[in-house]
Protein backbone atom coordinates (compact mmCIF):
# COMPACT_ATOMS: atom_id res chain seq x y z
CA MET A 1 -0.31 -0.22 -0.03
CA ARG A 2 1.15 3.59 -1.22
CA TYR A 3 0.79 6.44 0.88
CA MET A 4 0.90 10.03 -0.59
CA ARG A 5 3.36 12.37 1.16
CA PRO A 6 2.01 15.35 2.82
CA ILE A 7 3.16 17.41 0.18
CA ASP A 8 0.73 15.42 -2.27
CA ARG A 9 -2.22 15.89 0.11
CA GLY A 10 -1.53 19.30 0.33
CA GLY A 11 -1.64 20.03 -3.63
CA VAL A 12 -4.60 18.27 -3.97
CA LEU A 13 -6.57 19.88 -1.35
CA LEU A 14 -5.09 23.30 -2.74
CA ILE A 15 -6.29 21.97 -6.45
CA ALA A 16 -10.02 21.07 -4.43
CA ILE A 17 -10.19 24.30 -2.63
CA LEU A 18 -9.39 26.57 -6.00
CA LEU A 19 -12.23 24.32 -7.90
CA VAL A 20 -14.63 24.94 -5.35
CA VAL A 21 -13.86 28.76 -5.25
CA PHE A 22 -14.37 28.74 -9.16
CA VAL A 23 -17.54 26.64 -8.91
CA LEU A 24 -19.01 29.50 -6.42
CA GLY A 25 -18.08 32.35 -8.68
CA LEU A 26 -19.70 30.90 -11.57
CA ALA A 27 -22.60 30.51 -9.12
CA GLY A 28 -22.37 33.74 -8.07
CA ALA A 29 -21.94 35.62 -10.92
CA TYR A 30 -24.99 33.52 -12.71
CA LEU A 31 -26.75 34.72 -9.56
CA VAL A 32 -25.80 38.33 -10.44
CA VAL A 33 -26.91 37.90 -14.13
CA VAL A 34 -30.43 36.18 -12.97
CA ASN A 35 -30.71 39.24 -10.43
CA THR A 36 -30.05 41.63 -12.92
CA GLN A 37 -32.08 40.23 -15.63
CA ALA A 38 -34.93 39.39 -13.19
CA GLY A 39 -34.68 43.49 -12.29
CA ARG A 40 -34.74 44.35 -15.69
CA VAL A 41 -37.51 42.13 -16.29
CA ARG A 42 -39.42 43.85 -13.16
CA GLU A 43 -38.39 47.11 -14.32
CA GLY A 44 -39.92 46.56 -17.63
CA GLU A 45 -42.71 45.51 -16.16
CA ASP A 46 -43.47 48.44 -13.62
CA ARG A 47 -42.57 50.88 -16.56
CA ALA A 48 -45.29 48.94 -18.89
CA ARG A 49 -48.05 49.31 -15.99
CA SER A 50 -47.03 52.87 -14.98
CA LYS A 51 -47.58 53.65 -18.73
CA ALA A 52 -50.92 51.59 -18.76
CA ALA A 53 -52.01 53.36 -15.79
CA ALA A 54 -51.60 56.95 -17.17
CA GLU A 55 -53.43 55.98 -20.10
CA VAL A 56 -56.35 55.07 -17.86
CA GLY A 57 -55.84 58.46 -16.33
CA ILE A 58 -56.29 60.20 -19.56
CA ASP A 59 -59.34 57.96 -20.56
CA HIS A 60 -61.13 58.70 -16.73
CA MET A 61 -60.38 62.59 -17.34
CA ARG A 62 -61.40 62.47 -21.08
CA THR A 63 -64.78 60.57 -20.05
CA HIS A 64 -65.76 63.10 -17.38
CA LEU A 65 -65.46 65.88 -19.67
CA LEU A 66 -67.41 64.32 -22.08
CA SER A 67 -70.48 63.57 -19.36
CA VAL A 68 -70.04 67.27 -18.22
CA VAL A 69 -70.85 68.52 -21.43
CA ASP A 70 -73.73 65.74 -22.13
CA ALA A 71 -75.10 66.63 -18.57
CA THR A 72 -75.39 70.23 -18.77
CA GLY A 73 -75.85 71.36 -22.49
CA VAL A 74 -73.40 73.97 -22.24
CA ASP A 75 -72.49 76.54 -24.85
CA PRO A 76 -70.05 73.67 -26.72
CA THR A 77 -67.09 76.95 -27.44
CA GLN A 78 -66.62 77.26 -23.37
CA PRO A 79 -67.97 73.78 -22.11
CA TRP A 80 -65.40 73.53 -19.26
CA ASN A 81 -65.20 76.52 -17.23
CA SER A 82 -67.03 74.97 -14.22
CA VAL A 83 -64.63 71.94 -14.39
CA LEU A 84 -61.46 74.45 -14.07
CA ALA A 85 -62.70 76.34 -11.76
CA THR A 86 -63.70 73.53 -9.52
CA ASP A 87 -60.88 71.08 -10.36
CA HIS A 88 -58.13 73.21 -11.23
CA GLY A 89 -54.71 71.54 -10.69
CA THR A 90 -55.24 68.10 -9.10
CA PRO A 91 -58.77 67.35 -8.48
CA ALA A 92 -59.42 64.64 -5.41
CA TRP A 93 -61.48 62.30 -6.90
CA ALA A 94 -58.57 61.66 -9.72
CA THR A 95 -55.79 61.20 -7.20
CA GLN A 96 -53.66 58.15 -6.90
CA VAL A 97 -56.61 55.91 -8.29
CA ALA A 98 -56.02 52.35 -8.19
CA THR A 99 -55.98 50.49 -10.98
CA PRO A 100 -55.35 46.85 -12.03
CA GLU A 101 -52.07 48.43 -13.36
CA GLY A 102 -51.50 50.05 -10.81
CA SER A 103 -52.59 53.83 -10.17
CA TYR A 104 -52.45 57.17 -11.38
CA THR A 105 -53.22 60.82 -10.79
CA VAL A 106 -54.59 63.09 -13.20
CA ARG A 107 -55.22 66.71 -13.49
CA VAL A 108 -56.80 69.09 -15.93
CA THR A 109 -55.66 72.61 -16.75
CA ASP A 110 -56.55 75.51 -19.55
CA ASN A 111 -54.41 75.47 -22.63
CA ASP A 112 -52.65 78.98 -23.47
CA ASP A 113 -55.74 79.92 -25.25
CA GLY A 114 -54.49 83.87 -25.50
CA ASP A 115 -57.55 84.73 -22.98
CA GLY A 116 -54.80 85.42 -19.82
CA ASN A 117 -56.87 83.46 -17.86
CA ASP A 118 -56.12 79.62 -16.78
CA ILE A 119 -59.53 78.92 -15.45
CA GLU A 120 -61.43 79.96 -18.01
CA ASP A 121 -61.88 77.94 -20.96
CA SER A 122 -62.36 80.15 -24.76
CA ASP A 123 -61.58 77.68 -27.15
CA ALA A 124 -62.98 73.85 -25.92
CA THR A 125 -59.14 72.96 -25.80
CA VAL A 126 -57.87 72.00 -22.55
CA LEU A 127 -54.64 70.00 -21.10
CA LEU A 128 -54.96 66.52 -19.49
CA GLU A 129 -51.97 65.43 -17.54
CA SER A 130 -51.91 62.05 -15.94
CA THR A 131 -49.10 60.13 -14.02
CA GLY A 132 -49.38 56.70 -13.63
CA TYR A 133 -47.19 54.07 -11.29
CA GLY A 134 -46.85 50.39 -11.31
CA THR A 135 -48.16 50.23 -8.17
CA ALA A 136 -51.68 50.80 -6.12
CA GLN A 137 -49.22 52.61 -3.25
CA GLY A 138 -48.51 55.33 -5.82
CA PRO A 139 -44.39 56.61 -6.49
CA LEU A 140 -42.55 53.76 -5.38
CA GLY A 141 -41.21 52.67 -8.20
CA ASP A 142 -40.62 54.31 -12.01
CA GLY A 143 -43.43 56.52 -13.24
CA HIS A 144 -45.22 57.60 -16.53
CA VAL A 145 -46.29 60.87 -17.19
CA ILE A 146 -48.74 61.71 -20.45
CA ARG A 147 -49.56 65.31 -21.28
CA CYS A 148 -51.90 65.62 -23.99
CA ILE A 149 -54.35 68.42 -25.61
CA VAL A 150 -57.54 68.03 -26.32
CA THR A 151 -60.28 69.84 -28.03
CA LEU A 152 -64.25 69.34 -27.72
CA GLU A 153 -65.54 68.69 -31.35
CA VAL A 154 -69.63 68.78 -32.15
CA HIS A 155 -71.06 66.50 -34.45
CA ASP A 156 -74.65 66.18 -35.88
CA PRO A 157 -75.21 63.47 -38.58
CA THR A 158 -77.99 65.19 -40.12
CA ALA A 159 -75.78 68.50 -40.76
CA ALA A 160 -74.79 67.30 -44.32
CA PHE A 161 -77.79 68.11 -45.78
CA ALA A 162 -79.89 71.60 -46.58
CA ILE A 163 -83.18 69.68 -46.48
CA LEU A 164 -83.52 66.52 -44.57
CA THR A 165 -87.14 64.87 -43.87
CA GLY A 166 -88.32 61.75 -42.28
CA GLY A 167 -91.12 61.74 -45.05
CA ASP A 168 -91.79 62.56 -48.77
CA LEU A 169 -90.34 65.34 -49.82
CA ASP A 170 -91.79 67.36 -52.91
CA ILE A 171 -89.46 70.14 -54.83
CA TYR A 172 -91.06 71.89 -57.09
CA GLY A 173 -91.39 75.51 -58.93
CA ASP A 174 -87.92 77.51 -59.12
CA GLU A 175 -86.60 76.14 -55.67
CA ALA A 176 -82.79 76.18 -55.61
CA VAL A 177 -80.87 74.55 -53.05
CA GLY A 178 -77.00 75.93 -53.14
CA GLY A 179 -73.91 76.29 -51.46
CA THR A 180 -71.26 73.54 -50.88
CA LEU A 181 -73.53 71.64 -48.97
CA GLY A 182 -76.74 72.34 -50.84
CA GLY A 183 -78.02 68.62 -51.00
CA VAL A 184 -81.40 67.18 -50.17
CA HIS A 185 -82.13 63.46 -48.68
CA THR A 186 -85.75 62.24 -47.42
CA ASN A 187 -86.20 58.88 -45.76
CA GLU A 188 -88.92 58.04 -47.94
CA ASP A 189 -89.99 59.09 -51.49
CA LEU A 190 -88.42 62.22 -53.32
CA THR A 191 -89.91 64.19 -56.21
CA LEU A 192 -88.52 66.93 -58.24
CA GLN A 193 -90.38 69.18 -60.66
CA GLY A 194 -90.50 72.48 -62.16
CA SER A 195 -87.07 74.19 -62.71
CA ALA A 196 -85.95 72.68 -59.31
CA ASN A 197 -82.18 73.10 -59.14
CA ILE A 198 -80.22 71.00 -56.34
CA ALA A 199 -76.57 71.88 -56.40
CA ARG A 200 -75.64 68.76 -54.88
CA SER A 201 -77.08 65.30 -54.51
CA ALA A 202 -80.45 64.57 -54.13
CA THR A 203 -81.23 61.03 -52.61
CA ALA A 204 -83.93 59.09 -50.84
CA SER A 205 -84.63 55.94 -48.55
CA ALA A 206 -87.30 54.93 -51.29
CA THR A 207 -87.83 56.36 -54.77
CA THR A 208 -86.94 59.31 -56.77
CA THR A 209 -88.53 61.01 -59.45
CA ARG A 210 -87.95 63.38 -61.46
CA VAL A 211 -90.96 65.35 -63.39
CA GLY A 212 -90.01 67.20 -66.60
CA ASP A 213 -86.62 67.99 -68.26
CA ARG A 214 -85.92 71.29 -66.37
CA VAL A 215 -84.77 69.83 -63.23
CA THR A 216 -81.40 69.94 -62.42
CA VAL A 217 -79.07 68.14 -60.17
CA GLY A 218 -75.35 68.74 -59.50
CA GLY A 219 -74.88 65.40 -57.56
CA ASP A 220 -76.03 62.36 -57.34
CA PHE A 221 -79.69 61.41 -58.13
CA LEU A 222 -79.97 58.43 -56.20
CA ALA A 223 -83.05 56.05 -54.74
CA ASP A 224 -82.83 53.10 -52.09
CA ARG A 225 -80.08 55.06 -50.00
CA PRO A 226 -79.63 54.48 -46.33
CA VAL A 227 -82.00 56.18 -43.69
CA VAL A 228 -80.49 58.75 -42.37
CA PRO A 229 -81.55 59.01 -38.45
CA ILE A 230 -83.48 62.13 -37.21
CA ALA A 231 -83.45 62.71 -33.26
CA PRO A 232 -87.12 63.93 -32.10
CA VAL A 233 -87.53 67.60 -32.56
CA VAL A 234 -88.65 68.28 -28.65
CA PRO A 235 -89.45 72.09 -27.96
CA ALA A 236 -89.76 71.46 -24.41
CA ASP A 237 -86.00 70.80 -24.39
CA TYR A 238 -85.13 74.25 -25.10
CA ARG A 239 -87.63 75.71 -22.49
CA PRO A 240 -85.02 76.04 -19.90
CA HIS A 241 -82.69 77.86 -22.08
CA ALA A 242 -85.52 80.51 -23.29
CA ASN A 243 -85.43 84.29 -22.28
CA TYR A 244 -88.80 84.44 -22.13
CA VAL A 245 -92.08 82.20 -22.29
CA LEU A 246 -95.08 83.02 -23.98
CA THR A 247 -98.18 81.65 -22.31
CA ALA A 248 -101.15 80.50 -23.80
CA ASP A 249 -103.34 83.00 -21.97
CA GLY A 250 -101.21 85.71 -22.91
CA ARG A 251 -98.47 86.44 -20.30
CA VAL A 252 -95.06 86.70 -20.95
CA LEU A 253 -92.53 85.01 -18.21
CA ASP A 254 -88.85 85.70 -17.28
CA GLY A 255 -87.20 82.50 -18.89
CA ALA A 256 -84.75 82.24 -16.03
CA THR A 257 -86.92 82.78 -13.07
CA GLY A 258 -90.78 82.22 -14.25
CA VAL A 259 -91.79 85.37 -12.74
CA GLN A 260 -94.32 87.13 -14.73
CA VAL A 261 -93.16 90.08 -16.43
CA TYR A 262 -95.98 91.05 -18.82
CA THR A 263 -99.49 90.10 -19.37
CA PHE A 264 -101.97 91.09 -22.38
CA ALA A 265 -105.10 90.29 -20.52
CA VAL A 266 -107.26 93.49 -20.28
CA PRO A 267 -108.05 94.87 -16.82
CA ALA A 268 -111.57 94.40 -15.49
CA ARG A 269 -113.58 97.84 -16.01
CA VAL A 270 -113.92 100.02 -13.20
CA ARG A 271 -118.08 100.59 -12.40
CA GLY A 272 -118.30 104.21 -13.86
CA GLY A 273 -115.43 104.31 -15.41
CA PRO A 274 -113.74 104.24 -19.36
CA PRO A 275 -113.17 100.90 -20.65
CA PRO A 276 -110.08 99.66 -20.20
CA ALA A 277 -107.25 100.48 -22.81
CA ALA A 278 -105.46 97.10 -24.20
CA PRO A 279 -102.05 96.56 -23.30
CA GLY A 280 -99.59 97.50 -25.81
CA PRO A 281 -97.07 95.14 -27.27
CA TYR A 282 -93.80 93.63 -25.56
CA ASN A 283 -90.49 93.09 -27.11
CA GLY A 284 -92.53 93.16 -30.48
CA PHE A 285 -95.01 90.44 -29.72
CA THR A 286 -98.70 90.96 -29.15
CA TRP A 287 -101.65 88.65 -28.15
CA SER A 288 -104.98 88.55 -28.25
CA SER A 289 -107.47 85.81 -28.00
CA PRO A 290 -108.46 83.69 -29.91
CA THR A 291 -105.48 84.52 -32.66
CA GLY A 292 -102.65 83.88 -30.16
CA TRP A 293 -99.30 85.06 -30.55
CA THR A 294 -97.99 87.46 -33.41
CA THR A 295 -95.77 90.13 -33.94
CA VAL A 296 -96.07 93.98 -34.81
CA THR A 297 -94.19 96.05 -36.69
CA SER A 298 -91.25 97.31 -34.73
CA GLY A 299 -89.71 96.97 -30.92
CA TRP A 300 -88.42 93.59 -31.58
CA VAL A 301 -85.94 92.61 -28.87
CA ASP A 302 -83.35 89.78 -29.54
CA GLY A 303 -83.56 86.53 -27.73
CA MET A 304 -84.77 83.15 -27.49
CA TYR A 305 -88.79 82.82 -27.11
CA TYR A 306 -90.59 79.62 -26.40
CA ILE A 307 -94.15 80.06 -27.03
CA GLU A 308 -97.24 77.72 -25.21
CA GLY A 309 -99.25 76.74 -28.37
CA ASP A 310 -98.86 78.44 -32.34
CA ILE A 311 -97.44 81.64 -33.43
CA ASN A 312 -98.22 83.00 -36.46
CA PHE A 313 -96.14 86.44 -37.59
CA ASN A 314 -95.63 88.72 -40.61
CA HIS A 315 -92.84 91.11 -39.12
CA GLY A 316 -89.54 91.19 -37.73
CA GLY A 317 -85.94 93.11 -38.40
CA THR A 318 -85.28 95.07 -41.33
CA ASP A 319 -82.91 94.66 -44.16
CA THR A 320 -80.05 96.61 -42.04
CA THR A 321 -81.03 95.62 -38.67
CA PRO A 322 -82.30 91.47 -38.67
CA TRP A 323 -84.01 90.39 -35.90
CA ARG A 324 -81.62 87.78 -33.70
CA VAL A 325 -84.27 85.58 -32.31
CA THR A 326 -84.92 82.31 -31.64
CA LEU A 327 -88.72 81.27 -31.91
CA VAL A 328 -89.76 77.75 -30.26
CA ALA A 329 -93.61 76.39 -30.03
CA GLU A 330 -94.97 73.48 -28.89
CA GLY A 331 -97.52 73.82 -31.99
CA ASP A 332 -96.99 75.29 -35.35
CA ILE A 333 -94.90 78.50 -36.57
CA GLN A 334 -96.21 80.07 -39.51
CA MET A 335 -94.25 83.32 -41.12
CA GLN A 336 -95.63 85.34 -44.03
CA GLY A 337 -94.25 88.72 -45.10
CA ASN A 338 -90.73 89.62 -45.54
CA PRO A 339 -89.06 89.59 -42.30
CA TYR A 340 -85.11 89.32 -41.81
CA LEU A 341 -84.05 87.22 -39.24
CA ARG A 342 -81.00 85.58 -37.70
CA PRO A 343 -80.80 82.93 -35.06
CA PHE A 344 -80.17 83.43 -31.72
CA PHE A 345 -79.67 80.67 -29.81
CA HIS A 346 -76.13 79.84 -30.16
CA GLU A 347 -76.50 81.54 -33.65
CA HIS A 348 -77.84 77.76 -34.94
CA GLU A 349 -81.64 77.07 -34.33
CA LEU A 350 -83.99 80.06 -35.97
CA PHE A 351 -87.36 77.98 -35.46
CA VAL A 352 -88.61 75.06 -33.19
CA ALA A 353 -91.88 73.71 -33.72
CA GLY A 354 -93.48 70.75 -32.26
CA GLY A 355 -95.79 71.04 -34.98
CA ASP A 356 -95.60 72.32 -38.78
CA VAL A 357 -93.10 74.99 -40.02
CA TYR A 358 -95.32 77.30 -42.75
CA ALA A 359 -93.22 79.91 -44.58
CA ARG A 360 -94.52 82.47 -47.20
CA GLY A 361 -92.65 85.12 -48.52
CA THR A 362 -95.12 87.64 -49.88
CA GLY A 363 -94.10 90.99 -51.43
CA THR A 364 -90.77 91.92 -51.61
CA ASN A 365 -87.88 89.02 -50.74
CA ALA A 366 -88.02 87.54 -46.99
CA GLU A 367 -84.41 86.75 -45.69
CA ILE A 368 -83.94 84.71 -42.69
CA GLU A 369 -81.21 82.75 -41.52
CA GLY A 370 -80.50 79.58 -39.52
CA LEU A 371 -81.66 76.16 -38.69
CA ILE A 372 -85.18 75.01 -39.03
CA LEU A 373 -86.55 72.20 -37.29
CA ALA A 374 -90.28 70.97 -37.59
CA HIS A 375 -91.75 67.83 -35.43
CA GLU A 376 -94.10 67.23 -38.07
CA GLN A 377 -94.08 69.21 -41.35
CA VAL A 378 -92.20 72.10 -43.25
CA ASP A 379 -93.90 73.82 -46.24
CA MET A 380 -92.11 76.57 -47.84
CA ASP A 381 -92.94 78.96 -50.60
CA GLY A 382 -93.02 82.58 -51.95
CA ASN A 383 -89.96 84.67 -52.07
CA ILE A 384 -87.69 83.48 -49.40
CA THR A 385 -84.15 83.75 -49.26
CA PHE A 386 -83.04 81.00 -46.75
CA SER A 387 -79.41 80.72 -45.63
CA GLY A 388 -79.36 77.46 -43.45
CA ARG A 389 -80.51 73.94 -43.16
CA VAL A 390 -84.09 72.41 -42.60
CA VAL A 391 -84.50 69.05 -40.61
CA ALA A 392 -88.23 67.56 -40.43
CA GLU A 393 -89.04 64.88 -38.48
CA ALA A 394 -92.01 63.96 -40.39
CA ALA A 395 -94.07 62.99 -36.95
CA GLU A 396 -97.63 61.57 -37.13
CA ASN A 397 -99.48 65.06 -38.24
CA THR A 398 -101.85 66.61 -36.30
CA PRO A 399 -105.18 67.09 -37.93
CA GLY A 400 -106.03 70.75 -38.68
CA SER A 401 -102.32 71.54 -38.24
CA LEU A 402 -100.70 74.28 -41.01
CA VAL A 403 -99.37 71.51 -43.10
CA ASP A 404 -102.40 69.07 -42.96
CA ARG A 405 -102.70 66.97 -46.64
CA ARG A 406 -105.24 64.15 -46.22
CA ALA A 407 -103.80 62.18 -49.46
CA ASN A 408 -100.24 62.45 -47.98
CA PRO A 409 -100.09 63.94 -44.52
CA LEU A 410 -96.19 63.29 -44.03
CA LEU A 411 -95.55 65.28 -47.10
CA SER A 412 -92.86 68.62 -46.75
CA MET A 413 -92.95 70.88 -49.69
CA PHE A 414 -90.50 73.41 -51.01
CA GLY A 415 -91.47 75.83 -54.21
CA GLY A 416 -91.99 78.98 -55.59
CA SER A 417 -88.85 81.09 -55.35
CA VAL A 418 -87.59 80.06 -52.18
CA ARG A 419 -83.79 80.25 -52.51
CA VAL A 420 -81.93 78.02 -49.85
CA THR A 421 -77.83 78.32 -49.26
CA TYR A 422 -76.41 76.00 -47.05
CA ASN A 423 -72.35 75.83 -46.28
CA GLY A 424 -72.32 73.57 -43.29
CA GLY A 425 -72.06 74.62 -39.50
CA LEU A 426 -75.27 74.44 -38.33
CA ASP A 427 -75.43 71.54 -35.91
CA ARG A 428 -78.68 71.23 -33.44
CA SER A 429 -77.22 72.44 -29.96
CA LEU A 430 -79.32 69.80 -28.17
CA VAL A 431 -78.92 67.14 -29.93
CA THR A 432 -75.55 66.43 -31.48
CA GLU A 433 -72.33 64.28 -30.94
CA PHE A 434 -69.70 65.40 -28.55
CA ARG A 435 -66.09 63.92 -29.43
CA LEU A 436 -62.93 64.93 -27.64
CA PRO A 437 -59.82 64.00 -30.35
CA VAL A 438 -56.06 64.36 -28.89
CA ARG A 439 -54.35 66.94 -30.79
CA SER A 440 -51.10 66.37 -29.51
CA TRP A 441 -49.63 63.65 -27.49
CA ASN A 442 -46.40 63.99 -25.10
CA GLU A 443 -44.73 60.92 -22.68
CA ASP A 444 -42.21 61.50 -20.14
CA LEU A 445 -40.36 58.72 -17.81
CA ILE A 446 -40.27 59.80 -14.38
CA THR A 447 -37.27 57.59 -12.63
CA ASN A 448 -37.40 56.86 -8.59
CA THR A 449 -34.62 58.99 -8.17
CA GLY A 450 -36.40 62.00 -9.60
CA GLY A 451 -35.05 62.14 -12.99
CA GLY A 452 -37.14 62.37 -16.10
CA ALA A 453 -36.64 60.99 -19.67
CA GLY A 454 -38.78 62.38 -22.48
CA HIS A 455 -40.06 59.36 -25.02
């Protein structure tokens, strides 16, 4: 039996120790690499979660802003003054909000719109800033900041036509429809006859008929086109926005307070005294029974008037000073003569009728502008120059209303020498689709040391 010398045993031991150290070193290096890689993965995941949380914050604020507009029906040119005044900075309801991705804090501020006031919006544009973190506890790791500018857009899908009707449409005589959006559409049957001249398309969801060889259509003349949805025309929706309410019994109420400001009721005669004088006009209106509401030859006051019942008028404005008015009637609106009218409410709606709109330009030319809405039908004839658009919902006809054709009770008609010009921009103020597109987008990374790097 051979025994190893002590020096040999020492060499073997040294080699074993060196091997163990080498293996441990490799294991340690491997663990360092694994831990580093795991840390990078966690960091990447954390940053991804923080970005996702910041995006959720932007979506949250955009939804909130749209809900404010939908709920209040505010002026779309200045929709968020109340939000800026109340939530300027970081609102409590949007601070460190937990999400499946982590958490976010979002705020809304006014953009630089040139008005010198950072809590008053004058261009329907605001700045959103959302800071997201990958944990529900907030800034414990890297964060992500998203800044974007959003602008409110108002869209009315029916605003692409100068004339839109839910029932049959008949255009005749020398009627002309012009402008960049000078087209017509009906969800039923369309008839063009006489010297009718349509600058753009003339379409129908049912049939189209051209009578004679003098009809001119500048675009498509097509039948069987898709139905264009028409939101109901509801005059009562406008009542809260009216400056004055003209009641069915001859009183004038302040639109905001409901307080009576005038009455056309004739005072009772004092025994032995002379007959009481009839009340004079108010803001250009007068009333009598059973005639109802009408206008006088002067004294018109701009504003929005809500009429309980019908109105039949001949006067309003002059060629040099048009009357800026919005007439909203629960019943019919009948216009005759040669008034000069411009829309008051949001500079959009001119007439809103719960029944029919019946217009006859007589004598010299009537000149009117704006959006005409009828729950039932529209009939326009005579000498009228109209800059705007018409929507006739074509609801079931009210027997005895102004446009009452027993053979075709849902028919709207335009003829005579009516001239319609429409170039767009007349959305329905209270029935619209609000959109909030992003105009610019910027992102920054927030490191846990407080630094930042733009992306």
